[in-house]
């Protein structure tokens, strides 16, 4: 998987890209969103393929 702290551009293969937390599509290219947080001393990231999926996740208690 691609390092979540790096830029995820259009040149990332679908199989290497992280998956959207809402629709499970590969996350790459412009428009993607990432939430990063610390839980139990570890970095946790949640990826979204679009602002719409990010909003939907938040609206449902994400």
Protein backbone atom coordinates (compact mmCIF):
# COMPACT_ATOMS: atom_id res chain seq x y z
CA UNK A 1 0.00 0.00 0.00
CA UNK A 2 1.05 3.57 -0.62
CA UNK A 3 2.43 5.52 2.33
CA UNK A 4 -0.64 7.50 3.52
CA UNK A 5 1.54 10.52 4.33
CA UNK A 6 2.70 10.87 0.72
CA UNK A 7 0.92 12.44 -2.22
CA UNK A 8 -1.49 9.98 -3.83
CA UNK A 9 -1.45 10.98 -7.48
CA UNK A 10 -2.98 9.60 -10.65
CA UNK A 11 0.07 7.39 -11.25
CA UNK A 12 -0.74 5.04 -8.33
CA UNK A 13 -1.88 1.58 -9.42
CA UNK A 14 -5.39 0.63 -8.31
CA UNK A 15 -4.07 -2.42 -6.45
CA UNK A 16 -1.61 -0.25 -4.47
CA UNK A 17 -4.01 2.56 -3.63
CA UNK A 18 -5.81 2.70 -0.28
CA UNK A 19 -9.57 2.03 -0.38
CA UNK A 20 -12.37 4.50 0.37
CA UNK A 21 -13.91 3.92 3.81
CA UNK A 22 -17.41 4.46 2.36
CA UNK A 23 -17.59 2.92 -1.13
CA UNK A 24 -14.37 0.81 -1.18
CA UNK A 25 -13.18 2.40 -4.46
CA UNK A 26 -9.43 2.98 -4.83
CA UNK A 27 -8.34 6.37 -3.49
CA UNK A 28 -6.04 8.29 -5.82
CA UNK A 29 -5.90 11.50 -7.79
CA UNK A 30 -7.26 14.94 -7.07
CA UNK A 31 -10.28 15.22 -4.80
CA UNK A 32 -9.37 12.49 -2.33
CA UNK A 33 -9.56 13.17 1.40
CA UNK A 34 -7.71 11.61 4.34
CA UNK A 35 -8.42 11.87 8.06
CA UNK A 36 -5.42 11.15 10.29
CA UNK A 37 -5.72 10.66 14.05
CA UNK A 38 -3.89 9.05 16.98
CA UNK A 39 -5.63 6.12 18.68
CA UNK A 40 -3.95 4.16 21.47
CA UNK A 41 -0.58 5.65 20.52
CA UNK A 42 -0.79 4.61 16.86
CA UNK A 43 -1.49 6.68 13.76
CA UNK A 44 -4.82 5.76 12.16
CA UNK A 45 -5.81 7.02 8.70
CA UNK A 46 -9.18 6.87 6.98
CA UNK A 47 -9.25 7.46 3.23
CA UNK A 48 -12.08 8.81 1.06
CA UNK A 49 -12.24 8.95 -2.74
CA UNK A 50 -14.23 12.20 -2.76
CA UNK A 51 -15.53 14.99 -0.55
CA UNK A 52 -18.99 13.41 -0.86
CA UNK A 53 -17.84 10.12 0.66
CA UNK A 54 -16.03 12.07 3.40
CA UNK A 55 -19.26 13.92 4.24
CA UNK A 56 -21.34 10.73 4.18
CA UNK A 57 -18.91 9.04 6.60
CA UNK A 58 -19.10 12.02 9.00
CA UNK A 59 -22.89 12.13 8.84
CA UNK A 60 -23.10 8.48 9.89
CA UNK A 61 -20.95 8.79 13.00
CA UNK A 62 -17.47 8.38 11.49
